[in-house]
N, C-alpha and C. Protein backbone atom coordinates (compact mmCIF):
# COMPACT_ATOMS: atom_id res chain seq x y z
N MET A 1 0.82 -1.19 0.00
CA MET A 1 0.00 0.00 0.00
C MET A 1 0.86 1.26 0.00
N ILE A 2 1.93 1.24 0.78
CA ILE A 2 2.81 2.41 0.85
C ILE A 2 3.57 2.57 -0.46
N VAL A 3 3.97 1.45 -1.08
CA VAL A 3 4.67 1.52 -2.35
C VAL A 3 3.76 2.12 -3.42
N LEU A 4 2.51 1.73 -3.42
CA LEU A 4 1.54 2.26 -4.37
C LEU A 4 1.35 3.76 -4.16
N ASN A 5 1.27 4.18 -2.92
CA ASN A 5 1.12 5.61 -2.63
C ASN A 5 2.34 6.39 -3.08
N LYS A 6 3.54 5.83 -2.92
CA LYS A 6 4.75 6.51 -3.37
C LYS A 6 4.76 6.63 -4.89
N LYS A 7 4.33 5.59 -5.58
CA LYS A 7 4.28 5.64 -7.03
C LYS A 7 3.29 6.70 -7.50
N ILE A 8 2.15 6.76 -6.86
CA ILE A 8 1.16 7.77 -7.22
C ILE A 8 1.69 9.16 -6.94
N LEU A 9 2.38 9.33 -5.81
CA LEU A 9 2.95 10.63 -5.46
C LEU A 9 4.01 11.05 -6.47
N VAL A 10 4.89 10.13 -6.85
CA VAL A 10 5.93 10.44 -7.82
C VAL A 10 5.30 10.78 -9.17
N PHE A 11 4.33 10.00 -9.58
CA PHE A 11 3.65 10.26 -10.85
C PHE A 11 2.98 11.63 -10.84
N THR A 12 2.32 11.96 -9.74
CA THR A 12 1.65 13.25 -9.62
C THR A 12 2.65 14.40 -9.66
N LEU A 13 3.78 14.25 -8.98
CA LEU A 13 4.79 15.30 -8.99
C LEU A 13 5.39 15.49 -10.38
N VAL A 14 5.69 14.40 -11.07
CA VAL A 14 6.24 14.50 -12.42
C VAL A 14 5.23 15.15 -13.36
N LEU A 15 3.99 14.75 -13.26
CA LEU A 15 2.94 15.34 -14.08
C LEU A 15 2.79 16.83 -13.79
N PHE A 16 2.82 17.20 -12.53
CA PHE A 16 2.71 18.60 -12.14
C PHE A 16 3.88 19.41 -12.66
N MET A 17 5.09 18.87 -12.55
CA MET A 17 6.28 19.60 -13.01
C MET A 17 6.23 19.80 -14.52
N ASN A 18 5.80 18.79 -15.25
CA ASN A 18 5.70 18.93 -16.71
C ASN A 18 4.63 19.95 -17.09
N THR A 19 3.52 19.93 -16.39
CA THR A 19 2.44 20.87 -16.68
C THR A 19 2.88 22.30 -16.40
N VAL A 20 3.55 22.50 -15.28
CA VAL A 20 4.03 23.84 -14.94
C VAL A 20 5.05 24.31 -15.96
N ASN A 21 5.92 23.42 -16.40
CA ASN A 21 6.93 23.78 -17.39
C ASN A 21 6.29 24.20 -18.71
N VAL A 22 5.31 23.47 -19.15
CA VAL A 22 4.66 23.78 -20.43
C VAL A 22 3.85 25.06 -20.33
N LEU A 23 3.14 25.24 -19.24
CA LEU A 23 2.28 26.41 -19.11
C LEU A 23 3.06 27.69 -18.83
N SER A 24 4.26 27.57 -18.31
CA SER A 24 5.03 28.77 -17.98
C SER A 24 5.76 29.35 -19.18
N GLN A 25 5.83 28.63 -20.26
CA GLN A 25 6.53 29.13 -21.45
C GLN A 25 5.68 30.21 -22.11
N SER A 26 6.33 31.29 -22.48
CA SER A 26 5.59 32.37 -23.14
C SER A 26 5.49 32.08 -24.63
N HIS A 27 4.35 32.38 -25.17
CA HIS A 27 4.13 32.18 -26.60
C HIS A 27 4.22 33.54 -27.28
N GLU A 28 5.36 33.80 -27.89
CA GLU A 28 5.55 35.07 -28.58
C GLU A 28 4.99 34.96 -29.99
N PRO A 29 4.46 36.04 -30.51
CA PRO A 29 3.95 35.98 -31.88
C PRO A 29 5.11 35.84 -32.86
N PRO A 30 4.86 35.26 -34.02
CA PRO A 30 5.93 35.09 -35.00
C PRO A 30 6.42 36.45 -35.51
N VAL A 31 7.67 36.47 -35.91
CA VAL A 31 8.27 37.69 -36.43
C VAL A 31 7.69 37.95 -37.82
N PRO A 32 7.17 39.14 -38.07
CA PRO A 32 6.62 39.41 -39.40
C PRO A 32 7.72 39.49 -40.45
N GLU A 33 7.39 39.02 -41.64
CA GLU A 33 8.35 39.05 -42.74
C GLU A 33 8.37 40.45 -43.34
N ALA A 34 9.44 40.74 -44.04
CA ALA A 34 9.55 42.04 -44.70
C ALA A 34 8.51 42.13 -45.81
N ARG A 35 7.97 43.30 -46.01
CA ARG A 35 6.91 43.48 -47.01
C ARG A 35 7.43 43.32 -48.44
N ASN A 36 8.67 43.67 -48.67
CA ASN A 36 9.22 43.63 -50.03
C ASN A 36 10.04 42.38 -50.29
N ALA A 37 9.88 41.37 -49.48
CA ALA A 37 10.64 40.14 -49.67
C ALA A 37 10.11 39.40 -50.90
N PRO A 38 10.99 38.84 -51.71
CA PRO A 38 10.53 38.10 -52.88
C PRO A 38 9.89 36.78 -52.45
N PRO A 39 8.95 36.29 -53.22
CA PRO A 39 8.32 35.01 -52.87
C PRO A 39 9.32 33.87 -53.01
N GLY A 40 9.01 32.77 -52.36
CA GLY A 40 9.92 31.63 -52.37
C GLY A 40 10.09 31.01 -53.74
N LEU A 41 9.02 30.81 -54.49
CA LEU A 41 9.11 30.17 -55.80
C LEU A 41 8.09 30.81 -56.74
N PRO A 42 8.48 31.85 -57.45
CA PRO A 42 7.53 32.49 -58.35
C PRO A 42 7.41 31.72 -59.66
N ILE A 43 6.28 31.08 -59.90
CA ILE A 43 6.10 30.34 -61.16
C ILE A 43 5.02 30.98 -62.02
N ASP A 44 4.50 32.12 -61.59
CA ASP A 44 3.42 32.75 -62.35
C ASP A 44 3.83 33.10 -63.77
N ASN A 45 5.04 33.60 -63.94
CA ASN A 45 5.48 34.02 -65.27
C ASN A 45 5.86 32.84 -66.15
N ASP A 46 6.31 31.76 -65.57
CA ASP A 46 6.82 30.64 -66.34
C ASP A 46 5.85 29.46 -66.40
N ILE A 47 4.59 29.68 -66.08
CA ILE A 47 3.63 28.58 -66.07
C ILE A 47 3.38 28.05 -67.48
N ILE A 48 3.46 28.90 -68.48
CA ILE A 48 3.26 28.46 -69.87
C ILE A 48 4.40 27.54 -70.29
N ILE A 49 5.61 27.87 -69.89
CA ILE A 49 6.77 27.03 -70.21
C ILE A 49 6.63 25.67 -69.53
N LEU A 50 6.23 25.68 -68.26
CA LEU A 50 6.04 24.42 -67.54
C LEU A 50 4.94 23.57 -68.19
N PHE A 51 3.85 24.19 -68.58
CA PHE A 51 2.76 23.48 -69.24
C PHE A 51 3.22 22.88 -70.56
N THR A 52 4.00 23.64 -71.33
CA THR A 52 4.51 23.16 -72.62
C THR A 52 5.43 21.96 -72.42
N ILE A 53 6.31 22.04 -71.44
CA ILE A 53 7.22 20.92 -71.16
C ILE A 53 6.43 19.69 -70.73
N ALA A 54 5.40 19.89 -69.90
CA ALA A 54 4.58 18.76 -69.46
C ALA A 54 3.84 18.12 -70.63
N MET A 55 3.32 18.92 -71.53
CA MET A 55 2.64 18.38 -72.71
C MET A 55 3.61 17.62 -73.60
N ALA A 56 4.80 18.17 -73.81
CA ALA A 56 5.80 17.50 -74.65
C ALA A 56 6.21 16.17 -74.02
N TYR A 57 6.38 16.13 -72.72
CA TYR A 57 6.75 14.89 -72.04
C TYR A 57 5.62 13.87 -72.15
N GLY A 58 4.39 14.33 -72.01
CA GLY A 58 3.25 13.42 -72.13
C GLY A 58 3.15 12.83 -73.53
N ILE A 59 3.35 13.65 -74.54
CA ILE A 59 3.33 13.15 -75.93
C ILE A 59 4.47 12.17 -76.16
N TYR A 60 5.64 12.47 -75.62
CA TYR A 60 6.80 11.58 -75.74
C TYR A 60 6.49 10.22 -75.13
N LYS A 61 5.88 10.21 -73.95
CA LYS A 61 5.54 8.95 -73.30
C LYS A 61 4.48 8.18 -74.09
N LEU A 62 3.50 8.89 -74.65
CA LEU A 62 2.49 8.22 -75.46
C LEU A 62 3.10 7.59 -76.71
N VAL A 63 4.03 8.27 -77.35
CA VAL A 63 4.70 7.73 -78.53
C VAL A 63 5.52 6.51 -78.15
N GLN A 64 6.23 6.58 -77.03
CA GLN A 64 7.01 5.43 -76.56
C GLN A 64 6.11 4.23 -76.30
N ARG A 65 4.97 4.46 -75.65
CA ARG A 65 4.06 3.38 -75.31
C ARG A 65 3.45 2.77 -76.57
N SER A 66 3.15 3.61 -77.57
CA SER A 66 2.56 3.08 -78.80
C SER A 66 3.59 2.29 -79.61
N LYS A 67 4.87 2.70 -79.58
CA LYS A 67 5.92 1.94 -80.26
C LYS A 67 6.15 0.61 -79.56
N LYS A 68 6.05 0.59 -78.25
CA LYS A 68 6.29 -0.63 -77.49
C LYS A 68 5.19 -1.66 -77.75
N SER A 69 3.95 -1.21 -77.87
CA SER A 69 2.85 -2.15 -78.07
C SER A 69 2.72 -2.57 -79.54
N ALA A 70 3.28 -1.83 -80.47
CA ALA A 70 3.16 -2.17 -81.89
C ALA A 70 4.19 -3.19 -82.32
């Protein structure tokens, strides 16, 4: 019975210490980014090129598949 009470006491203390540690941390807001920073990956201007390459690759694969089955 005493061993069980000690285990419960230790568990309660550990749980309390973890809870206090988590709740005591301050949550600061994220640092705002600069307004004039360039975007990470601008593809707006080159979307036509990407679409053309994708279409050419698709046609290439279709031709390969038709040659393989013929």
